[in-house]
N, C-alpha and C. Protein backbone atom coordinates (compact mmCIF):
# COMPACT_ATOMS: atom_id res chain seq x y z
N MET A 1 47.92 23.33 65.19
CA MET A 1 47.14 22.16 65.56
C MET A 1 45.66 22.51 65.66
N ARG A 2 45.38 23.69 66.23
CA ARG A 2 43.99 24.12 66.36
C ARG A 2 43.35 24.35 64.99
N SER A 3 44.14 24.90 64.05
CA SER A 3 43.59 25.14 62.72
C SER A 3 43.31 23.82 62.00
N ILE A 4 44.10 22.81 62.21
CA ILE A 4 43.86 21.51 61.60
C ILE A 4 42.57 20.92 62.18
N PHE A 5 42.38 21.06 63.48
CA PHE A 5 41.17 20.54 64.13
C PHE A 5 39.92 21.27 63.60
N LEU A 6 39.99 22.60 63.43
CA LEU A 6 38.85 23.35 62.89
C LEU A 6 38.58 22.96 61.43
N LEU A 7 39.63 22.73 60.66
CA LEU A 7 39.46 22.28 59.29
C LEU A 7 38.80 20.90 59.25
N PHE A 8 39.21 20.04 60.14
CA PHE A 8 38.63 18.69 60.26
C PHE A 8 37.14 18.78 60.59
N ILE A 9 36.76 19.64 61.53
CA ILE A 9 35.36 19.82 61.92
C ILE A 9 34.56 20.44 60.77
N ALA A 10 35.16 21.40 60.05
CA ALA A 10 34.47 22.04 58.93
C ALA A 10 34.17 21.02 57.82
N LEU A 11 35.11 20.13 57.54
CA LEU A 11 34.88 19.10 56.54
C LEU A 11 33.74 18.18 56.95
N PHE A 12 33.68 17.85 58.21
CA PHE A 12 32.58 16.99 58.68
C PHE A 12 31.25 17.74 58.68
N CYS A 13 31.28 19.05 58.91
CA CYS A 13 30.04 19.83 58.82
C CYS A 13 29.49 19.83 57.41
N ILE A 14 30.37 19.96 56.44
CA ILE A 14 29.94 19.94 55.03
C ILE A 14 29.38 18.57 54.70
N GLN A 15 30.05 17.52 55.17
CA GLN A 15 29.57 16.16 54.91
C GLN A 15 28.25 15.90 55.60
N ALA A 16 28.03 16.47 56.78
CA ALA A 16 26.81 16.23 57.54
C ALA A 16 25.61 16.96 56.91
N ASN A 17 25.84 18.08 56.22
CA ASN A 17 24.75 18.83 55.61
C ASN A 17 24.29 18.23 54.30
N THR A 18 25.10 17.39 53.67
CA THR A 18 24.66 16.73 52.44
C THR A 18 23.93 15.46 52.83
N ILE A 19 22.80 15.22 52.13
CA ILE A 19 21.96 14.08 52.45
C ILE A 19 21.91 13.15 51.24
N ASP A 20 22.21 11.90 51.49
CA ASP A 20 22.08 10.88 50.46
C ASP A 20 21.07 9.87 50.97
N ALA A 21 19.93 9.76 50.31
CA ALA A 21 18.84 8.94 50.82
C ALA A 21 19.12 7.45 50.71
N PHE A 22 20.06 7.05 49.85
CA PHE A 22 20.26 5.63 49.61
C PHE A 22 21.46 5.05 50.34
N SER A 23 22.26 5.88 51.00
CA SER A 23 23.41 5.35 51.70
C SER A 23 23.15 5.35 53.20
N SER A 24 23.80 4.43 53.86
CA SER A 24 23.65 4.36 55.31
C SER A 24 24.47 5.46 55.96
N PRO A 25 24.04 5.98 57.10
CA PRO A 25 24.78 7.06 57.74
C PRO A 25 26.13 6.57 58.24
N ARG A 26 27.18 7.33 57.92
CA ARG A 26 28.52 6.99 58.34
C ARG A 26 28.95 7.92 59.46
N LEU A 27 29.88 7.48 60.23
CA LEU A 27 30.47 8.28 61.31
C LEU A 27 29.40 8.77 62.28
N THR A 28 28.62 7.86 62.77
CA THR A 28 27.55 8.25 63.68
C THR A 28 28.08 8.62 65.05
N PHE A 29 29.30 8.19 65.37
CA PHE A 29 29.85 8.55 66.67
C PHE A 29 30.28 10.00 66.72
N ILE A 30 30.44 10.68 65.56
CA ILE A 30 30.87 12.08 65.53
C ILE A 30 29.67 13.01 65.49
N THR A 31 28.47 12.51 65.28
CA THR A 31 27.28 13.35 65.14
C THR A 31 27.06 14.29 66.33
N PRO A 32 27.16 13.84 67.59
CA PRO A 32 26.99 14.80 68.69
C PRO A 32 28.03 15.91 68.67
N ILE A 33 29.27 15.58 68.27
CA ILE A 33 30.31 16.60 68.21
C ILE A 33 29.98 17.61 67.12
N LEU A 34 29.52 17.10 65.97
CA LEU A 34 29.21 17.99 64.86
C LEU A 34 28.05 18.91 65.18
N ASN A 35 27.04 18.41 65.87
CA ASN A 35 25.89 19.24 66.19
C ASN A 35 26.26 20.38 67.12
N THR A 36 27.22 20.18 67.98
CA THR A 36 27.62 21.25 68.88
C THR A 36 28.64 22.17 68.23
N ALA A 37 29.50 21.62 67.34
CA ALA A 37 30.56 22.43 66.75
C ALA A 37 30.10 23.21 65.54
N CYS A 38 29.18 22.66 64.76
CA CYS A 38 28.75 23.31 63.52
C CYS A 38 27.55 24.21 63.78
N THR A 39 27.61 25.37 63.24
CA THR A 39 26.45 26.25 63.24
C THR A 39 26.14 26.54 61.80
N SER A 40 25.21 25.80 61.23
CA SER A 40 24.85 25.94 59.83
C SER A 40 23.63 26.83 59.71
N SER A 41 23.66 27.76 58.76
CA SER A 41 22.52 28.66 58.58
C SER A 41 21.43 28.00 57.74
N SER A 42 21.78 27.00 56.93
CA SER A 42 20.77 26.34 56.10
C SER A 42 20.23 25.12 56.84
N THR A 43 18.93 24.95 56.75
CA THR A 43 18.32 23.79 57.39
C THR A 43 18.29 22.64 56.39
N SER A 44 18.58 21.45 56.85
CA SER A 44 18.61 20.31 55.95
C SER A 44 17.20 19.76 55.79
N THR A 45 16.88 19.37 54.57
CA THR A 45 15.57 18.78 54.31
C THR A 45 15.72 17.28 54.25
N THR A 46 14.68 16.60 54.63
CA THR A 46 14.71 15.14 54.60
C THR A 46 13.66 14.64 53.62
N ALA A 47 13.64 13.34 53.44
CA ALA A 47 12.68 12.73 52.53
C ALA A 47 11.27 12.76 53.11
N LEU A 48 11.15 12.98 54.41
CA LEU A 48 9.85 12.95 55.06
C LEU A 48 9.28 14.35 55.26
N TYR A 49 9.79 15.33 54.55
CA TYR A 49 9.34 16.70 54.72
C TYR A 49 7.88 16.83 54.31
N GLY A 50 7.05 17.37 55.19
CA GLY A 50 5.65 17.58 54.90
C GLY A 50 4.77 16.38 55.16
N LYS A 51 5.31 15.34 55.76
CA LYS A 51 4.53 14.12 55.97
C LYS A 51 3.41 14.35 56.98
N LYS A 52 3.68 15.13 58.02
CA LYS A 52 2.64 15.40 59.03
C LYS A 52 1.50 16.20 58.43
N ASP A 53 1.82 17.15 57.57
CA ASP A 53 0.77 17.93 56.90
C ASP A 53 -0.08 17.04 55.99
N ALA A 54 0.57 16.12 55.30
CA ALA A 54 -0.17 15.21 54.41
C ALA A 54 -1.08 14.29 55.22
N ARG A 55 -0.59 13.82 56.36
CA ARG A 55 -1.44 12.97 57.20
C ARG A 55 -2.62 13.74 57.75
N ALA A 56 -2.40 14.99 58.15
CA ALA A 56 -3.51 15.80 58.66
C ALA A 56 -4.55 16.04 57.57
N ALA A 57 -4.11 16.29 56.35
CA ALA A 57 -5.05 16.49 55.25
C ALA A 57 -5.82 15.20 54.96
N GLY A 58 -5.15 14.06 55.09
CA GLY A 58 -5.83 12.79 54.88
C GLY A 58 -6.89 12.54 55.94
N ASN A 59 -6.58 12.90 57.19
CA ASN A 59 -7.57 12.71 58.26
C ASN A 59 -8.76 13.63 58.07
N GLU A 60 -8.54 14.83 57.58
CA GLU A 60 -9.65 15.74 57.30
C GLU A 60 -10.52 15.19 56.17
N ARG A 61 -9.90 14.56 55.19
CA ARG A 61 -10.63 14.00 54.06
C ARG A 61 -11.48 12.81 54.50
N LYS A 62 -11.02 12.03 55.47
CA LYS A 62 -11.76 10.86 55.93
C LYS A 62 -13.05 11.24 56.65
N ASN A 63 -13.05 12.38 57.31
CA ASN A 63 -14.22 12.79 58.10
C ASN A 63 -15.33 13.39 57.25
N LYS A 64 -15.09 13.65 55.97
CA LYS A 64 -16.11 14.23 55.11
C LYS A 64 -17.07 13.15 54.64
N THR A 65 -18.36 13.49 54.61
CA THR A 65 -19.37 12.54 54.15
C THR A 65 -19.84 12.85 52.74
N VAL A 66 -19.52 14.03 52.21
CA VAL A 66 -19.94 14.41 50.87
C VAL A 66 -18.95 13.82 49.87
N ARG A 67 -19.48 13.24 48.80
CA ARG A 67 -18.64 12.64 47.77
C ARG A 67 -18.11 13.73 46.85
N GLU A 68 -16.80 13.94 46.85
CA GLU A 68 -16.17 14.93 45.98
C GLU A 68 -15.35 14.20 44.93
N LYS A 69 -15.57 14.55 43.66
CA LYS A 69 -14.84 13.94 42.58
C LYS A 69 -13.89 14.95 41.96
N LYS A 70 -12.80 14.44 41.42
CA LYS A 70 -11.88 15.30 40.69
C LYS A 70 -12.53 15.70 39.38
N VAL A 71 -12.30 16.93 38.97
CA VAL A 71 -12.89 17.42 37.73
C VAL A 71 -12.02 16.95 36.56
N LYS A 72 -12.66 16.31 35.59
CA LYS A 72 -11.95 15.84 34.40
C LYS A 72 -12.31 16.74 33.23
N ASP A 73 -11.31 17.15 32.49
CA ASP A 73 -11.54 18.08 31.38
C ASP A 73 -11.99 17.38 30.11
N ASP A 74 -11.54 16.14 29.90
CA ASP A 74 -11.73 15.52 28.61
C ASP A 74 -12.91 14.57 28.53
N VAL A 75 -13.80 14.54 29.51
CA VAL A 75 -14.97 13.65 29.46
C VAL A 75 -16.25 14.46 29.65
N ILE A 76 -17.35 13.89 29.14
CA ILE A 76 -18.67 14.50 29.32
C ILE A 76 -19.43 13.59 30.27
N GLU A 77 -19.87 14.13 31.39
CA GLU A 77 -20.57 13.34 32.40
C GLU A 77 -22.07 13.58 32.29
N ILE A 78 -22.83 12.49 32.16
CA ILE A 78 -24.28 12.59 32.01
C ILE A 78 -24.97 11.59 32.93
N GLU A 79 -26.25 11.82 33.16
CA GLU A 79 -27.07 10.89 33.93
C GLU A 79 -27.86 10.03 32.95
N GLY A 80 -28.05 8.76 33.29
CA GLY A 80 -28.79 7.87 32.39
C GLY A 80 -29.48 6.76 33.16
N THR A 81 -30.19 5.94 32.40
CA THR A 81 -30.91 4.79 32.96
C THR A 81 -30.54 3.55 32.15
N VAL A 82 -30.26 2.44 32.84
CA VAL A 82 -29.91 1.20 32.17
C VAL A 82 -31.19 0.58 31.60
N ILE A 83 -31.17 0.27 30.28
CA ILE A 83 -32.36 -0.33 29.65
C ILE A 83 -32.12 -1.79 29.24
N GLU A 84 -30.84 -2.18 29.12
CA GLU A 84 -30.55 -3.55 28.70
C GLU A 84 -29.19 -3.97 29.24
N SER A 85 -29.12 -5.20 29.73
CA SER A 85 -27.86 -5.76 30.21
C SER A 85 -27.31 -6.70 29.15
N LEU A 86 -26.03 -6.53 28.80
CA LEU A 86 -25.38 -7.32 27.76
C LEU A 86 -24.23 -8.12 28.37
N PRO A 87 -23.71 -9.10 27.65
CA PRO A 87 -22.56 -9.86 28.18
C PRO A 87 -21.32 -8.98 28.35
N ASN A 88 -20.37 -9.50 29.12
CA ASN A 88 -19.08 -8.84 29.36
C ASN A 88 -19.22 -7.48 30.03
N ALA A 89 -20.15 -7.36 30.95
CA ALA A 89 -20.34 -6.14 31.74
C ALA A 89 -20.62 -4.92 30.86
N MET A 90 -21.39 -5.12 29.80
CA MET A 90 -21.79 -4.02 28.92
C MET A 90 -23.28 -3.76 29.13
N PHE A 91 -23.67 -2.50 28.98
CA PHE A 91 -25.06 -2.10 29.21
C PHE A 91 -25.47 -1.11 28.15
N ARG A 92 -26.75 -1.15 27.78
CA ARG A 92 -27.33 -0.09 26.93
C ARG A 92 -28.04 0.86 27.88
N CYS A 93 -27.74 2.13 27.74
CA CYS A 93 -28.30 3.14 28.64
C CYS A 93 -28.92 4.26 27.82
N THR A 94 -30.04 4.76 28.31
CA THR A 94 -30.63 5.95 27.71
C THR A 94 -30.18 7.16 28.51
N ILE A 95 -30.08 8.28 27.82
CA ILE A 95 -29.68 9.51 28.48
C ILE A 95 -30.92 10.21 29.00
N ASP A 96 -30.90 10.58 30.29
CA ASP A 96 -32.05 11.28 30.88
C ASP A 96 -32.18 12.66 30.24
N GLY A 97 -33.38 13.00 29.83
CA GLY A 97 -33.65 14.31 29.24
C GLY A 97 -33.39 14.37 27.76
N ALA A 98 -32.96 13.29 27.14
CA ALA A 98 -32.70 13.28 25.70
C ALA A 98 -33.98 12.89 24.97
N PRO A 99 -34.14 13.29 23.72
CA PRO A 99 -35.34 12.89 22.96
C PRO A 99 -35.35 11.38 22.71
N ASP A 100 -36.54 10.84 22.47
CA ASP A 100 -36.68 9.41 22.26
C ASP A 100 -36.01 8.94 20.97
N THR A 101 -35.75 9.84 20.05
CA THR A 101 -35.14 9.45 18.78
C THR A 101 -33.63 9.20 18.91
N GLN A 102 -33.03 9.65 19.99
CA GLN A 102 -31.59 9.45 20.17
C GLN A 102 -31.32 7.99 20.53
N GLU A 103 -30.33 7.41 19.87
CA GLU A 103 -30.02 6.01 20.12
C GLU A 103 -29.34 5.84 21.49
N PRO A 104 -29.52 4.69 22.13
CA PRO A 104 -28.92 4.49 23.46
C PRO A 104 -27.40 4.40 23.41
N VAL A 105 -26.80 4.65 24.55
CA VAL A 105 -25.34 4.62 24.68
C VAL A 105 -24.93 3.22 25.12
N LEU A 106 -23.87 2.70 24.52
CA LEU A 106 -23.30 1.43 24.93
C LEU A 106 -22.25 1.73 25.99
N ALA A 107 -22.48 1.25 27.21
CA ALA A 107 -21.59 1.62 28.31
C ALA A 107 -21.07 0.37 29.01
N THR A 108 -19.84 0.46 29.46
CA THR A 108 -19.23 -0.58 30.27
C THR A 108 -19.00 -0.04 31.67
N ILE A 109 -18.74 -0.93 32.62
CA ILE A 109 -18.55 -0.45 33.99
C ILE A 109 -17.10 -0.07 34.21
N SER A 110 -16.86 0.89 35.09
CA SER A 110 -15.51 1.36 35.35
C SER A 110 -14.79 0.38 36.27
N GLY A 111 -13.50 0.60 36.42
CA GLY A 111 -12.67 -0.30 37.20
C GLY A 111 -13.03 -0.37 38.67
N LYS A 112 -13.38 0.78 39.26
CA LYS A 112 -13.71 0.78 40.69
C LYS A 112 -15.02 0.05 40.95
N ILE A 113 -15.99 0.21 40.06
CA ILE A 113 -17.26 -0.50 40.22
C ILE A 113 -17.03 -1.99 40.04
N ARG A 114 -16.19 -2.35 39.08
CA ARG A 114 -15.86 -3.76 38.84
C ARG A 114 -15.11 -4.34 40.04
N LYS A 115 -14.19 -3.57 40.59
CA LYS A 115 -13.38 -4.04 41.72
C LYS A 115 -14.22 -4.25 42.97
N ASN A 116 -15.18 -3.36 43.21
CA ASN A 116 -16.00 -3.44 44.42
C ASN A 116 -17.27 -4.25 44.23
N PHE A 117 -17.41 -4.92 43.10
CA PHE A 117 -18.54 -5.81 42.82
C PHE A 117 -19.89 -5.11 42.99
N VAL A 118 -20.01 -3.91 42.45
CA VAL A 118 -21.28 -3.19 42.49
C VAL A 118 -22.18 -3.80 41.42
N LYS A 119 -23.35 -4.23 41.82
CA LYS A 119 -24.29 -4.86 40.89
C LYS A 119 -25.13 -3.79 40.22
N ILE A 120 -25.20 -3.83 38.91
CA ILE A 120 -26.01 -2.88 38.13
C ILE A 120 -27.11 -3.68 37.45
N LEU A 121 -28.35 -3.27 37.68
CA LEU A 121 -29.50 -3.97 37.13
C LEU A 121 -30.24 -3.08 36.13
N VAL A 122 -31.10 -3.67 35.36
CA VAL A 122 -31.92 -2.92 34.41
C VAL A 122 -32.84 -2.00 35.21
N GLY A 123 -32.89 -0.73 34.82
CA GLY A 123 -33.71 0.26 35.50
C GLY A 123 -32.95 1.13 36.48
N ASP A 124 -31.68 0.81 36.76
CA ASP A 124 -30.88 1.62 37.69
C ASP A 124 -30.52 2.96 37.06
N LYS A 125 -30.49 3.99 37.88
CA LYS A 125 -30.00 5.31 37.46
C LYS A 125 -28.49 5.31 37.65
N VAL A 126 -27.75 5.72 36.61
CA VAL A 126 -26.30 5.68 36.65
C VAL A 126 -25.72 6.99 36.13
N THR A 127 -24.48 7.24 36.49
CA THR A 127 -23.71 8.35 35.93
C THR A 127 -22.77 7.76 34.88
N ILE A 128 -22.78 8.34 33.69
CA ILE A 128 -22.00 7.83 32.57
C ILE A 128 -21.02 8.91 32.13
N GLU A 129 -19.79 8.50 31.86
CA GLU A 129 -18.79 9.40 31.27
C GLU A 129 -18.68 9.07 29.78
N LEU A 130 -18.86 10.08 28.95
CA LEU A 130 -18.74 9.91 27.50
C LEU A 130 -17.46 10.55 27.02
N SER A 131 -16.83 9.93 26.06
CA SER A 131 -15.67 10.52 25.44
C SER A 131 -16.13 11.51 24.38
N PRO A 132 -15.47 12.63 24.24
CA PRO A 132 -15.89 13.59 23.20
C PRO A 132 -15.64 13.06 21.79
N TYR A 133 -14.88 11.99 21.64
CA TYR A 133 -14.58 11.45 20.33
C TYR A 133 -15.65 10.50 19.83
N ASP A 134 -16.29 9.74 20.76
CA ASP A 134 -17.34 8.80 20.36
C ASP A 134 -18.47 8.91 21.38
N LEU A 135 -19.54 9.59 20.99
CA LEU A 135 -20.64 9.84 21.92
C LEU A 135 -21.61 8.67 22.03
N THR A 136 -21.32 7.56 21.36
CA THR A 136 -22.19 6.38 21.47
C THR A 136 -21.66 5.36 22.47
N ARG A 137 -20.48 5.58 23.00
CA ARG A 137 -19.89 4.66 23.97
C ARG A 137 -19.54 5.43 25.24
N GLY A 138 -19.64 4.75 26.38
CA GLY A 138 -19.35 5.43 27.63
C GLY A 138 -18.90 4.46 28.72
N ARG A 139 -18.66 5.02 29.89
CA ARG A 139 -18.21 4.27 31.05
C ARG A 139 -19.11 4.60 32.22
N ILE A 140 -19.69 3.61 32.88
CA ILE A 140 -20.54 3.82 34.04
C ILE A 140 -19.63 4.01 35.25
N THR A 141 -19.70 5.19 35.88
CA THR A 141 -18.81 5.49 36.99
C THR A 141 -19.50 5.52 38.34
N PHE A 142 -20.85 5.57 38.35
CA PHE A 142 -21.54 5.66 39.63
C PHE A 142 -22.97 5.14 39.47
N ARG A 143 -23.42 4.36 40.45
CA ARG A 143 -24.80 3.85 40.45
C ARG A 143 -25.56 4.55 41.56
N LYS A 144 -26.66 5.19 41.19
CA LYS A 144 -27.47 5.91 42.18
C LYS A 144 -28.18 4.90 43.08
N ARG A 145 -28.41 5.26 44.31
CA ARG A 145 -29.08 4.37 45.26
C ARG A 145 -30.57 4.44 45.12
């Protein structure tokens, strides 16, 4: 009888160590018994593992005042000046430090600038991302104050 009871507890220990995120917990009335009877050497992981660390990193990021951007490998970032405003949020921009013979870049505004309704006027200093495939077109990603 004792061996049947130990076998019964062992089966529940195995069932308790497996985690299924989409099913509701079954046999919740046996959980206190299982916690005292089972001594498992492996720790069970949950779906929320590392959540406190992620929140702490997020709080550290909020307190920073310096603007940090992710480094993109496939774009060329340059500084420029808006010389002409065109329809459909398009702008002609000159590249700062480029010779006068270089033709201006046709640039559109990025999604975040469009979403936050940042107004870009003629004469504004902007940061432009150029694609390495077409150096005559770009995306305005930042407007200098």
